[in-house]
């Protein structure tokens, strides 16, 4: 299913206008703890970094709190109009559902939320399939795919905002390292899909 997303991917004009040539972090399925960590880390990250933030829960109250906490130039997807200069903003909050898997294609580095708040990160394969390194919080042991991704080197767990900065800076500053980690992450998805296919073939043969 994840590979099919890439094969059928569509471009999103608003995301392209926002990103342009800037390095971009896509934070997907963010919980409040993830937003707090981002807010603390952001001033220590490169000035030209853009962030596409896709909350786990579309709550107007929480989004308003996030905008206040981030304390930078933020725009919400729902507020974009024809005259909006998206390049003027540092953070784009996508306050609608159904776009995250497509938005990961614009990531240079992905951060999958949920690795602190609910004990396991959300779907780490969705960004990995685009060939980008995947970061998530350190409570990932319940998510087998996250455990395996860390073991291969395509996934990177971190403890807090300072650790996130320490882990993400080399990826943003060194294209070779970023691509190397991204290729590992992508290959993990393809290998995982191959294993799934083998299991399904075996199950079908048993059921015949």
N, C-alpha and C. Protein backbone atom coordinates (compact mmCIF):
# COMPACT_ATOMS: atom_id res chain seq x y z
N UNK A 1 0.83 -1.21 0.00
CA UNK A 1 0.00 0.00 0.00
C UNK A 1 0.86 1.26 0.00
N UNK A 2 1.93 1.23 0.82
CA UNK A 2 2.79 2.41 0.92
C UNK A 2 3.50 2.67 -0.40
N UNK A 3 3.97 1.60 -1.04
CA UNK A 3 4.66 1.76 -2.33
C UNK A 3 3.70 2.31 -3.38
N UNK A 4 2.43 1.89 -3.32
CA UNK A 4 1.42 2.40 -4.26
C UNK A 4 1.23 3.90 -4.11
N UNK A 5 1.40 4.41 -2.89
CA UNK A 5 1.28 5.86 -2.66
C UNK A 5 2.30 6.62 -3.49
N UNK A 6 3.53 6.13 -3.52
CA UNK A 6 4.59 6.78 -4.29
C UNK A 6 4.33 6.65 -5.78
N UNK A 7 3.91 5.46 -6.18
CA UNK A 7 3.66 5.22 -7.61
C UNK A 7 2.54 6.12 -8.14
N UNK A 8 1.58 6.44 -7.27
CA UNK A 8 0.43 7.26 -7.68
C UNK A 8 0.48 8.67 -7.11
N UNK A 9 1.67 9.12 -6.70
CA UNK A 9 1.76 10.41 -6.01
C UNK A 9 1.37 11.57 -6.93
N UNK A 10 0.79 12.58 -6.31
CA UNK A 10 0.39 13.78 -7.03
C UNK A 10 1.15 14.96 -6.43
N UNK A 11 1.42 15.94 -7.26
CA UNK A 11 2.09 17.13 -6.74
C UNK A 11 1.05 18.05 -6.10
N UNK A 12 1.48 18.79 -5.11
CA UNK A 12 0.62 19.75 -4.41
C UNK A 12 1.22 21.13 -4.60
N UNK A 13 0.52 21.96 -5.36
CA UNK A 13 1.07 23.27 -5.74
C UNK A 13 1.38 24.12 -4.52
N UNK A 14 0.54 24.07 -3.50
CA UNK A 14 0.77 24.92 -2.32
C UNK A 14 2.04 24.48 -1.59
N UNK A 15 2.30 23.18 -1.54
CA UNK A 15 3.51 22.68 -0.87
C UNK A 15 4.76 23.07 -1.65
N UNK A 16 4.67 23.02 -2.96
CA UNK A 16 5.81 23.41 -3.80
C UNK A 16 6.10 24.90 -3.65
N UNK A 17 5.04 25.70 -3.59
CA UNK A 17 5.21 27.15 -3.43
C UNK A 17 5.80 27.49 -2.06
N UNK A 18 5.45 26.70 -1.07
CA UNK A 18 5.98 26.91 0.28
C UNK A 18 7.44 26.49 0.38
N UNK A 19 7.74 25.31 -0.12
CA UNK A 19 9.09 24.75 -0.01
C UNK A 19 10.10 25.46 -0.90
N UNK A 20 9.75 25.62 -2.17
CA UNK A 20 10.68 26.14 -3.17
C UNK A 20 12.01 25.37 -3.09
N UNK A 21 13.10 26.07 -2.86
CA UNK A 21 14.41 25.39 -2.81
C UNK A 21 14.90 25.16 -1.38
N UNK A 22 14.06 25.44 -0.40
CA UNK A 22 14.50 25.37 1.00
C UNK A 22 14.51 23.93 1.52
N UNK A 23 15.47 23.62 2.40
CA UNK A 23 15.41 22.32 3.09
C UNK A 23 14.14 22.28 3.92
N UNK A 24 13.48 21.12 3.91
CA UNK A 24 12.16 21.04 4.54
C UNK A 24 12.04 19.83 5.46
N UNK A 25 11.52 20.10 6.65
CA UNK A 25 11.18 19.05 7.61
C UNK A 25 9.67 18.88 7.57
N UNK A 26 9.20 17.66 7.35
CA UNK A 26 7.77 17.37 7.45
C UNK A 26 7.55 16.63 8.77
N UNK A 27 6.78 17.26 9.65
CA UNK A 27 6.40 16.65 10.93
C UNK A 27 4.98 16.15 10.79
N UNK A 28 4.83 14.83 10.68
CA UNK A 28 3.52 14.24 10.45
C UNK A 28 2.93 13.59 11.68
N UNK A 29 1.62 13.66 11.80
CA UNK A 29 0.88 13.05 12.92
C UNK A 29 1.42 13.54 14.27
N UNK A 30 1.62 14.85 14.36
CA UNK A 30 2.22 15.41 15.57
C UNK A 30 1.21 15.45 16.72
N UNK A 31 1.67 15.06 17.89
CA UNK A 31 0.95 15.25 19.14
C UNK A 31 1.51 16.52 19.79
N UNK A 32 0.91 16.94 20.89
CA UNK A 32 1.32 18.19 21.51
C UNK A 32 2.78 18.16 21.95
N UNK A 33 3.23 17.02 22.47
CA UNK A 33 4.63 16.89 22.90
C UNK A 33 5.57 17.12 21.72
N UNK A 34 5.20 16.60 20.54
CA UNK A 34 6.03 16.79 19.34
C UNK A 34 6.12 18.27 18.97
N UNK A 35 5.00 18.96 19.11
CA UNK A 35 4.97 20.39 18.78
C UNK A 35 5.83 21.18 19.77
N UNK A 36 5.77 20.80 21.03
CA UNK A 36 6.62 21.45 22.04
C UNK A 36 8.10 21.25 21.73
N UNK A 37 8.45 20.04 21.33
CA UNK A 37 9.85 19.74 20.98
C UNK A 37 10.28 20.54 19.76
N UNK A 38 9.41 20.61 18.76
CA UNK A 38 9.71 21.40 17.56
C UNK A 38 9.94 22.86 17.92
N UNK A 39 9.07 23.42 18.75
CA UNK A 39 9.18 24.83 19.14
C UNK A 39 10.50 25.11 19.84
N UNK A 40 10.93 24.17 20.66
CA UNK A 40 12.20 24.34 21.39
C UNK A 40 13.40 24.19 20.46
N UNK A 41 13.27 23.28 19.49
CA UNK A 41 14.40 22.99 18.59
C UNK A 41 14.56 24.02 17.47
N UNK A 42 13.46 24.59 17.03
CA UNK A 42 13.45 25.42 15.82
C UNK A 42 14.48 26.56 15.82
N UNK A 43 14.62 27.32 16.92
CA UNK A 43 15.61 28.41 16.91
C UNK A 43 17.05 27.93 16.76
N UNK A 44 17.29 26.64 17.01
CA UNK A 44 18.65 26.09 16.93
C UNK A 44 18.92 25.40 15.60
N UNK A 45 17.94 25.39 14.73
CA UNK A 45 18.07 24.75 13.42
C UNK A 45 18.35 25.80 12.35
N UNK A 46 18.82 25.40 11.17
CA UNK A 46 19.18 26.37 10.13
C UNK A 46 18.05 27.36 9.83
N UNK A 47 18.45 28.59 9.59
CA UNK A 47 17.48 29.67 9.39
C UNK A 47 16.59 29.44 8.17
N UNK A 48 17.14 28.78 7.15
CA UNK A 48 16.37 28.59 5.91
C UNK A 48 15.49 27.34 5.95
N UNK A 49 15.48 26.62 7.09
CA UNK A 49 14.66 25.41 7.19
C UNK A 49 13.18 25.77 7.18
N UNK A 50 12.41 25.03 6.38
CA UNK A 50 10.94 25.16 6.38
C UNK A 50 10.36 23.94 7.06
N UNK A 51 9.19 24.12 7.66
CA UNK A 51 8.52 23.01 8.36
C UNK A 51 7.08 22.89 7.89
N UNK A 52 6.72 21.70 7.45
CA UNK A 52 5.31 21.38 7.16
C UNK A 52 4.83 20.53 8.33
N UNK A 53 3.88 21.06 9.07
CA UNK A 53 3.39 20.44 10.30
C UNK A 53 1.97 19.91 10.07
N UNK A 54 1.80 18.60 10.25
CA UNK A 54 0.49 17.98 10.05
C UNK A 54 0.06 17.35 11.38
N UNK A 55 -0.83 18.03 12.13
CA UNK A 55 -1.21 17.52 13.45
C UNK A 55 -1.98 16.20 13.37
N UNK A 56 -1.80 15.40 14.42
CA UNK A 56 -2.55 14.15 14.54
C UNK A 56 -4.04 14.45 14.70
N UNK A 57 -4.33 15.51 15.44
CA UNK A 57 -5.72 15.89 15.69
C UNK A 57 -5.91 17.34 15.25
N UNK A 58 -6.91 17.56 14.39
CA UNK A 58 -7.17 18.92 13.89
C UNK A 58 -8.06 19.63 14.91
N UNK A 59 -7.43 20.24 15.88
CA UNK A 59 -8.15 20.97 16.92
C UNK A 59 -7.81 22.46 16.81
N UNK A 60 -8.80 23.32 16.51
CA UNK A 60 -8.53 24.76 16.39
C UNK A 60 -7.84 25.34 17.62
N UNK A 61 -8.24 24.86 18.79
CA UNK A 61 -7.63 25.35 20.03
C UNK A 61 -6.16 24.99 20.10
N UNK A 62 -5.86 23.72 19.78
CA UNK A 62 -4.46 23.28 19.83
C UNK A 62 -3.62 23.95 18.75
N UNK A 63 -4.21 24.15 17.57
CA UNK A 63 -3.48 24.83 16.50
C UNK A 63 -3.16 26.27 16.90
N UNK A 64 -4.13 26.94 17.52
CA UNK A 64 -3.89 28.31 18.00
C UNK A 64 -2.77 28.32 19.03
N UNK A 65 -2.77 27.33 19.92
CA UNK A 65 -1.70 27.23 20.93
C UNK A 65 -0.35 26.95 20.27
N UNK A 66 -0.37 26.11 19.23
CA UNK A 66 0.86 25.77 18.52
C UNK A 66 1.46 27.00 17.85
N UNK A 67 0.61 27.80 17.23
CA UNK A 67 1.07 29.02 16.55
C UNK A 67 1.74 29.96 17.55
N UNK A 68 1.11 30.09 18.72
CA UNK A 68 1.66 30.95 19.76
C UNK A 68 3.00 30.40 20.26
N UNK A 69 3.06 29.10 20.46
CA UNK A 69 4.27 28.47 20.98
C UNK A 69 5.43 28.52 19.99
N UNK A 70 5.13 28.31 18.71
CA UNK A 70 6.18 28.29 17.69
C UNK A 70 6.83 29.66 17.51
N UNK A 71 6.04 30.71 17.70
CA UNK A 71 6.58 32.08 17.73
C UNK A 71 7.43 32.40 16.50
N UNK A 72 6.89 32.06 15.33
CA UNK A 72 7.56 32.37 14.07
C UNK A 72 6.49 32.63 13.01
N UNK A 73 6.89 32.79 11.77
CA UNK A 73 5.92 33.06 10.71
C UNK A 73 5.20 31.77 10.33
N UNK A 74 3.95 31.64 10.78
CA UNK A 74 3.16 30.42 10.57
C UNK A 74 1.93 30.74 9.73
N UNK A 75 1.61 29.84 8.81
CA UNK A 75 0.36 29.95 8.07
C UNK A 75 -0.35 28.60 8.10
N UNK A 76 -1.67 28.65 8.16
CA UNK A 76 -2.47 27.44 8.11
C UNK A 76 -2.94 27.20 6.67
N UNK A 77 -3.04 25.94 6.32
CA UNK A 77 -3.51 25.57 4.98
C UNK A 77 -4.87 26.20 4.68
N UNK A 78 -5.75 26.21 5.67
CA UNK A 78 -7.11 26.74 5.48
C UNK A 78 -7.14 28.24 5.23
N UNK A 79 -6.03 28.92 5.50
CA UNK A 79 -5.97 30.38 5.33
C UNK A 79 -5.28 30.80 4.03
N UNK A 80 -4.84 29.82 3.25
CA UNK A 80 -4.17 30.15 1.99
C UNK A 80 -5.18 30.65 0.97
N UNK A 81 -4.84 31.76 0.31
CA UNK A 81 -5.68 32.25 -0.80
C UNK A 81 -4.77 32.58 -1.98
N UNK A 82 -5.35 33.02 -3.05
CA UNK A 82 -4.59 33.22 -4.30
C UNK A 82 -3.42 34.19 -4.14
N UNK A 83 -3.57 35.17 -3.26
CA UNK A 83 -2.52 36.19 -3.12
C UNK A 83 -1.51 35.89 -2.02
N UNK A 84 -1.63 34.73 -1.38
CA UNK A 84 -0.72 34.38 -0.29
C UNK A 84 0.68 34.10 -0.82
N UNK A 85 1.66 34.78 -0.25
CA UNK A 85 3.07 34.50 -0.60
C UNK A 85 3.59 33.46 0.39
N UNK A 86 3.44 32.21 0.01
CA UNK A 86 3.79 31.12 0.92
C UNK A 86 5.27 31.09 1.27
N UNK A 87 6.09 31.61 0.38
CA UNK A 87 7.54 31.61 0.63
C UNK A 87 7.92 32.52 1.80
N UNK A 88 6.99 33.40 2.22
CA UNK A 88 7.27 34.30 3.34
C UNK A 88 7.17 33.60 4.70
N UNK A 89 6.63 32.39 4.71
CA UNK A 89 6.37 31.71 5.98
C UNK A 89 7.39 30.60 6.26
N UNK A 90 7.62 30.37 7.54
CA UNK A 90 8.58 29.33 7.95
C UNK A 90 7.87 28.00 8.25
N UNK A 91 6.68 28.09 8.80
CA UNK A 91 5.93 26.89 9.17
C UNK A 91 4.56 26.90 8.49
N UNK A 92 4.22 25.79 7.88
CA UNK A 92 2.90 25.59 7.27
C UNK A 92 2.19 24.51 8.07
N UNK A 93 1.07 24.88 8.71
CA UNK A 93 0.27 23.90 9.44
C UNK A 93 -0.86 23.43 8.54
N UNK A 94 -0.88 22.15 8.25
CA UNK A 94 -1.90 21.59 7.36
C UNK A 94 -3.07 21.13 8.23
N UNK A 95 -4.07 22.01 8.32
CA UNK A 95 -5.22 21.76 9.20
C UNK A 95 -6.38 21.11 8.44
N UNK A 96 -6.05 20.04 7.75
CA UNK A 96 -7.06 19.24 7.05
C UNK A 96 -6.53 17.81 7.01
N UNK A 97 -7.42 16.87 6.70
CA UNK A 97 -7.00 15.46 6.72
C UNK A 97 -6.79 14.94 5.30
N UNK A 98 -6.04 13.85 5.20
CA UNK A 98 -5.91 13.14 3.93
C UNK A 98 -4.74 13.53 3.05
N UNK A 99 -3.88 14.43 3.52
CA UNK A 99 -2.77 14.90 2.68
C UNK A 99 -1.40 14.40 3.12
N UNK A 100 -1.30 13.87 4.32
CA UNK A 100 0.02 13.60 4.90
C UNK A 100 0.89 12.71 4.03
N UNK A 101 0.34 11.60 3.55
CA UNK A 101 1.17 10.67 2.78
C UNK A 101 1.74 11.34 1.54
N UNK A 102 0.98 12.24 0.94
CA UNK A 102 1.46 12.96 -0.25
C UNK A 102 2.47 14.03 0.13
N UNK A 103 2.27 14.66 1.28
CA UNK A 103 3.17 15.74 1.71
C UNK A 103 4.57 15.25 2.04
N UNK A 104 4.70 13.99 2.42
CA UNK A 104 6.03 13.47 2.76
C UNK A 104 7.01 13.55 1.59
N UNK A 105 6.49 13.64 0.36
CA UNK A 105 7.40 13.73 -0.79
C UNK A 105 8.21 15.02 -0.78
N UNK A 106 7.75 16.02 -0.02
CA UNK A 106 8.45 17.31 0.03
C UNK A 106 9.47 17.37 1.18
N UNK A 107 9.60 16.29 1.91
CA UNK A 107 10.52 16.26 3.06
C UNK A 107 11.95 15.99 2.61
N UNK A 108 12.87 16.74 3.19
CA UNK A 108 14.29 16.36 3.13
C UNK A 108 14.58 15.46 4.33
N UNK A 109 13.88 15.74 5.42
CA UNK A 109 13.93 14.91 6.62
C UNK A 109 12.50 14.83 7.16
N UNK A 110 12.10 13.65 7.63
CA UNK A 110 10.76 13.49 8.19
C UNK A 110 10.84 13.22 9.69
N UNK A 111 9.86 13.74 10.40
CA UNK A 111 9.70 13.50 11.84
C UNK A 111 8.29 12.97 12.01
N UNK A 112 8.18 11.72 12.44
CA UNK A 112 6.87 11.09 12.63
C UNK A 112 6.48 11.21 14.10
N UNK A 113 5.34 11.84 14.36
CA UNK A 113 4.89 12.07 15.72
C UNK A 113 4.34 10.83 16.40
N UNK A 114 4.09 10.97 17.70
CA UNK A 114 3.51 9.88 18.48
C UNK A 114 4.53 9.07 19.26
N UNK A 115 5.80 9.33 19.06
CA UNK A 115 6.84 8.56 19.74
C UNK A 115 7.06 8.95 21.19
N UNK A 116 6.30 9.94 21.66
CA UNK A 116 6.34 10.32 23.07
C UNK A 116 4.95 10.18 23.70
N UNK A 117 3.96 10.70 23.00
CA UNK A 117 2.63 10.87 23.59
C UNK A 117 1.88 9.56 23.81
N UNK A 118 1.83 8.71 22.80
CA UNK A 118 1.01 7.49 22.93
C UNK A 118 1.86 6.22 22.91
N UNK A 119 3.15 6.38 23.10
CA UNK A 119 3.99 5.20 23.26
C UNK A 119 4.53 4.59 22.00
N UNK A 120 4.09 5.06 20.85
CA UNK A 120 4.69 4.57 19.61
C UNK A 120 4.44 5.57 18.49
N UNK A 121 5.41 5.73 17.59
CA UNK A 121 5.20 6.64 16.46
C UNK A 121 4.16 6.08 15.50
N UNK A 122 3.61 6.96 14.71
CA UNK A 122 2.64 6.55 13.70
C UNK A 122 3.39 5.86 12.55
N UNK A 123 2.82 5.82 11.38
CA UNK A 123 3.37 5.02 10.27
C UNK A 123 4.71 5.57 9.78
N UNK A 124 5.79 4.87 10.11
CA UNK A 124 7.13 5.33 9.71
C UNK A 124 7.45 4.96 8.27
N UNK A 125 6.67 4.05 7.69
CA UNK A 125 6.94 3.63 6.31
C UNK A 125 6.50 4.69 5.30
N UNK A 126 5.49 5.49 5.66
CA UNK A 126 4.97 6.49 4.71
C UNK A 126 6.03 7.49 4.27
N UNK A 127 6.83 8.06 5.18
CA UNK A 127 7.91 8.93 4.72
C UNK A 127 9.10 8.15 4.17
N UNK A 128 9.37 6.98 4.76
CA UNK A 128 10.55 6.20 4.36
C UNK A 128 10.51 5.83 2.89
N UNK A 129 9.32 5.57 2.37
CA UNK A 129 9.20 5.13 0.97
C UNK A 129 9.65 6.21 -0.01
N UNK A 130 9.66 7.47 0.44
CA UNK A 130 10.14 8.56 -0.43
C UNK A 130 11.65 8.71 -0.38
N UNK A 131 12.33 7.88 0.40
CA UNK A 131 13.78 7.94 0.44
C UNK A 131 14.32 9.07 1.29
N UNK A 132 13.66 9.31 2.44
CA UNK A 132 14.16 10.34 3.37
C UNK A 132 14.39 9.71 4.75
N UNK A 133 15.37 10.23 5.50
CA UNK A 133 15.58 9.74 6.86
C UNK A 133 14.35 10.03 7.72
N UNK A 134 14.05 9.14 8.64
CA UNK A 134 12.84 9.26 9.46
C UNK A 134 13.23 9.34 10.94
N UNK A 135 12.82 10.43 11.60
CA UNK A 135 13.08 10.61 13.02
C UNK A 135 11.79 10.44 13.81
N UNK A 136 11.93 9.99 15.05
CA UNK A 136 10.76 9.85 15.93
C UNK A 136 11.23 9.76 17.38
N UNK A 137 10.29 9.93 18.29
CA UNK A 137 10.61 9.90 19.72
C UNK A 137 11.07 8.54 20.19
N UNK A 138 11.67 8.52 21.37
CA UNK A 138 12.38 7.33 21.84
C UNK A 138 11.48 6.23 22.42
N UNK A 139 10.17 6.46 22.48
CA UNK A 139 9.26 5.40 22.96
C UNK A 139 8.64 4.71 21.74
N UNK A 140 9.46 4.01 21.02
CA UNK A 140 9.03 3.41 19.75
C UNK A 140 9.01 1.89 19.78
N UNK A 141 9.28 1.31 20.96
CA UNK A 141 9.50 -0.14 21.03
C UNK A 141 8.26 -0.97 20.67
N UNK A 142 7.07 -0.39 20.78
CA UNK A 142 5.84 -1.12 20.44
C UNK A 142 5.63 -1.19 18.93
N UNK A 143 6.31 -0.35 18.19
CA UNK A 143 6.14 -0.30 16.73
C UNK A 143 7.27 -1.08 16.07
N UNK A 144 6.97 -2.30 15.64
CA UNK A 144 8.01 -3.18 15.09
C UNK A 144 8.73 -2.54 13.90
N UNK A 145 7.97 -1.87 13.03
CA UNK A 145 8.58 -1.26 11.85
C UNK A 145 9.57 -0.18 12.25
N UNK A 146 9.25 0.58 13.31
CA UNK A 146 10.17 1.61 13.80
C UNK A 146 11.43 0.97 14.39
N UNK A 147 11.24 -0.10 15.15
CA UNK A 147 12.39 -0.83 15.73
C UNK A 147 13.31 -1.32 14.62
N UNK A 148 12.72 -1.93 13.60
CA UNK A 148 13.51 -2.47 12.48
C UNK A 148 14.18 -1.36 11.68
N UNK A 149 13.47 -0.24 11.53
CA UNK A 149 14.03 0.88 10.76
C UNK A 149 15.24 1.47 11.47
N UNK A 150 15.17 1.56 12.79
CA UNK A 150 16.33 2.03 13.57
C UNK A 150 17.49 1.06 13.42
N UNK A 151 17.19 -0.22 13.45
CA UNK A 151 18.24 -1.25 13.34
C UNK A 151 18.97 -1.17 11.99
N UNK A 152 18.26 -0.81 10.94
CA UNK A 152 18.89 -0.71 9.62
C UNK A 152 19.68 0.58 9.45
N UNK A 153 19.32 1.63 10.23
CA UNK A 153 20.00 2.92 10.10
C UNK A 153 19.18 3.96 9.36
N UNK A 154 18.01 3.58 8.86
CA UNK A 154 17.15 4.53 8.16
C UNK A 154 16.25 5.31 9.09
N UNK A 155 16.08 4.80 10.31
CA UNK A 155 15.28 5.47 11.33
C UNK A 155 16.17 5.96 12.46
N UNK A 156 15.82 7.11 13.03
CA UNK A 156 16.64 7.72 14.08
C UNK A 156 15.73 8.15 15.22
N UNK A 157 15.96 7.59 16.40
CA UNK A 157 15.17 7.96 17.57
C UNK A 157 15.91 9.04 18.35
N UNK A 158 15.15 9.89 19.03
CA UNK A 158 15.77 10.95 19.83
C UNK A 158 15.01 11.12 21.14
N UNK A 159 15.67 11.76 22.12
CA UNK A 159 15.14 11.82 23.48
C UNK A 159 14.38 13.10 23.80
N UNK A 160 14.82 14.22 23.23
CA UNK A 160 14.25 15.52 23.58
C UNK A 160 14.65 16.53 22.49
N UNK A 161 14.33 17.79 22.71
CA UNK A 161 14.60 18.81 21.68
C UNK A 161 16.09 18.95 21.39
N UNK A 162 16.91 18.95 22.44
CA UNK A 162 18.36 19.09 22.24
C UNK A 162 18.91 17.91 21.44
N UNK A 163 18.39 16.73 21.73
CA UNK A 163 18.83 15.53 21.01
C UNK A 163 18.35 15.55 19.56
N UNK A 164 17.14 16.07 19.36
CA UNK A 164 16.62 16.21 17.99
C UNK A 164 17.55 17.11 17.17
N UNK A 165 17.94 18.24 17.75
CA UNK A 165 18.85 19.17 17.06
C UNK A 165 20.16 18.46 16.71
N UNK A 166 20.69 17.73 17.68
CA UNK A 166 21.96 17.02 17.49
C UNK A 166 21.85 15.96 16.38
N UNK A 167 20.69 15.31 16.28
CA UNK A 167 20.51 14.24 15.29
C UNK A 167 20.17 14.79 13.91
N UNK A 168 19.45 15.90 13.87
CA UNK A 168 18.95 16.39 12.58
C UNK A 168 19.96 17.31 11.87
N UNK A 169 20.78 18.02 12.62
CA UNK A 169 21.73 18.95 12.00
C UNK A 169 22.66 18.28 10.99
N UNK A 170 23.28 17.15 11.32
CA UNK A 170 24.15 16.50 10.33
C UNK A 170 23.40 16.11 9.05
N UNK A 171 22.13 15.75 9.20
CA UNK A 171 21.33 15.36 8.03
C UNK A 171 21.05 16.56 7.13
N UNK A 172 20.80 17.71 7.75
CA UNK A 172 20.51 18.92 6.98
C UNK A 172 21.78 19.52 6.37
N UNK A 173 22.90 19.32 7.05
CA UNK A 173 24.15 19.95 6.61
C UNK A 173 24.95 19.09 5.63
N UNK A 174 24.69 17.79 5.63
CA UNK A 174 25.47 16.87 4.80
C UNK A 174 24.55 16.09 3.88
N UNK A 175 24.50 16.50 2.62
CA UNK A 175 23.59 15.86 1.67
C UNK A 175 23.90 14.38 1.49
N UNK A 176 25.18 14.04 1.48
CA UNK A 176 25.58 12.63 1.30
C UNK A 176 25.01 11.75 2.41
N UNK A 177 25.13 12.21 3.64
CA UNK A 177 24.61 11.46 4.79
C UNK A 177 23.09 11.34 4.71
N UNK A 178 22.45 12.46 4.38
CA UNK A 178 20.99 12.47 4.29
C UNK A 178 20.49 11.48 3.23
N UNK A 179 21.15 11.49 2.08
CA UNK A 179 20.74 10.58 1.00
C UNK A 179 21.04 9.13 1.36
N UNK A 180 22.16 8.91 2.02
CA UNK A 180 22.53 7.56 2.43
C UNK A 180 21.47 6.98 3.38
N UNK A 181 21.09 7.77 4.39
CA UNK A 181 20.06 7.33 5.34
C UNK A 181 18.72 7.15 4.63
N UNK A 182 18.43 8.05 3.70
CA UNK A 182 17.17 7.97 2.96
C UNK A 182 17.07 6.73 2.10
N UNK A 183 18.16 6.37 1.45
CA UNK A 183 18.19 5.16 0.61
C UNK A 183 17.97 3.92 1.48
N UNK A 184 18.60 3.91 2.66
CA UNK A 184 18.43 2.78 3.58
C UNK A 184 16.96 2.67 4.00
N UNK A 185 16.35 3.82 4.32
CA UNK A 185 14.95 3.82 4.73
C UNK A 185 14.04 3.31 3.61
N UNK A 186 14.30 3.79 2.40
CA UNK A 186 13.49 3.37 1.25
C UNK A 186 13.66 1.88 0.96
N UNK A 187 14.90 1.42 1.02
CA UNK A 187 15.16 -0.01 0.76
C UNK A 187 14.47 -0.88 1.80
N UNK A 188 14.41 -0.39 3.04
CA UNK A 188 13.70 -1.12 4.09
C UNK A 188 12.24 -1.33 3.72
N UNK A 189 11.62 -0.28 3.17
CA UNK A 189 10.21 -0.39 2.77
C UNK A 189 10.04 -1.42 1.66
N UNK A 190 10.92 -1.37 0.66
CA UNK A 190 10.82 -2.31 -0.45
C UNK A 190 11.05 -3.75 0.03
N UNK A 191 12.02 -3.93 0.92
CA UNK A 191 12.28 -5.26 1.47
C UNK A 191 11.09 -5.74 2.29
N UNK A 192 10.50 -4.82 3.06
CA UNK A 192 9.34 -5.13 3.89
C UNK A 192 8.16 -5.53 3.01
N UNK A 193 7.98 -4.81 1.91
CA UNK A 193 6.89 -5.13 0.98
C UNK A 193 7.12 -6.49 0.35
N UNK A 194 8.37 -6.80 0.05
CA UNK A 194 8.71 -8.10 -0.52
C UNK A 194 8.40 -9.23 0.44
N UNK A 195 8.72 -9.01 1.72
CA UNK A 195 8.43 -10.02 2.75
C UNK A 195 6.93 -10.22 2.89
N UNK A 196 6.18 -9.12 2.85
CA UNK A 196 4.72 -9.20 2.95
C UNK A 196 4.15 -10.00 1.79
N UNK A 197 4.67 -9.75 0.60
CA UNK A 197 4.20 -10.46 -0.59
C UNK A 197 4.48 -11.96 -0.46
N UNK A 198 5.66 -12.30 0.05
CA UNK A 198 6.01 -13.72 0.23
C UNK A 198 5.07 -14.39 1.22
N UNK A 199 4.74 -13.67 2.30
CA UNK A 199 3.82 -14.21 3.31
C UNK A 199 2.44 -14.45 2.69
N UNK A 200 1.96 -13.46 1.92
CA UNK A 200 0.64 -13.59 1.28
C UNK A 200 0.62 -14.76 0.30
N UNK A 201 1.70 -14.92 -0.45
CA UNK A 201 1.79 -16.04 -1.41
C UNK A 201 1.75 -17.37 -0.67
N UNK A 202 2.46 -17.44 0.46
CA UNK A 202 2.46 -18.66 1.27
C UNK A 202 1.06 -18.95 1.82
N UNK A 203 0.41 -17.91 2.34
CA UNK A 203 -0.94 -18.08 2.90
C UNK A 203 -1.91 -18.58 1.84
N UNK A 204 -1.82 -17.99 0.64
CA UNK A 204 -2.71 -18.42 -0.46
C UNK A 204 -2.45 -19.89 -0.81
N UNK A 205 -1.17 -20.28 -0.82
CA UNK A 205 -0.84 -21.67 -1.17
C UNK A 205 -1.38 -22.65 -0.13
N UNK A 206 -1.36 -22.23 1.14
CA UNK A 206 -1.87 -23.07 2.23
C UNK A 206 -3.40 -23.19 2.14
N UNK A 207 -4.04 -22.09 1.75
CA UNK A 207 -5.50 -22.05 1.71
C UNK A 207 -6.09 -22.77 0.49
N UNK A 208 -5.26 -23.06 -0.49
CA UNK A 208 -5.77 -23.70 -1.71
C UNK A 208 -6.29 -25.10 -1.41
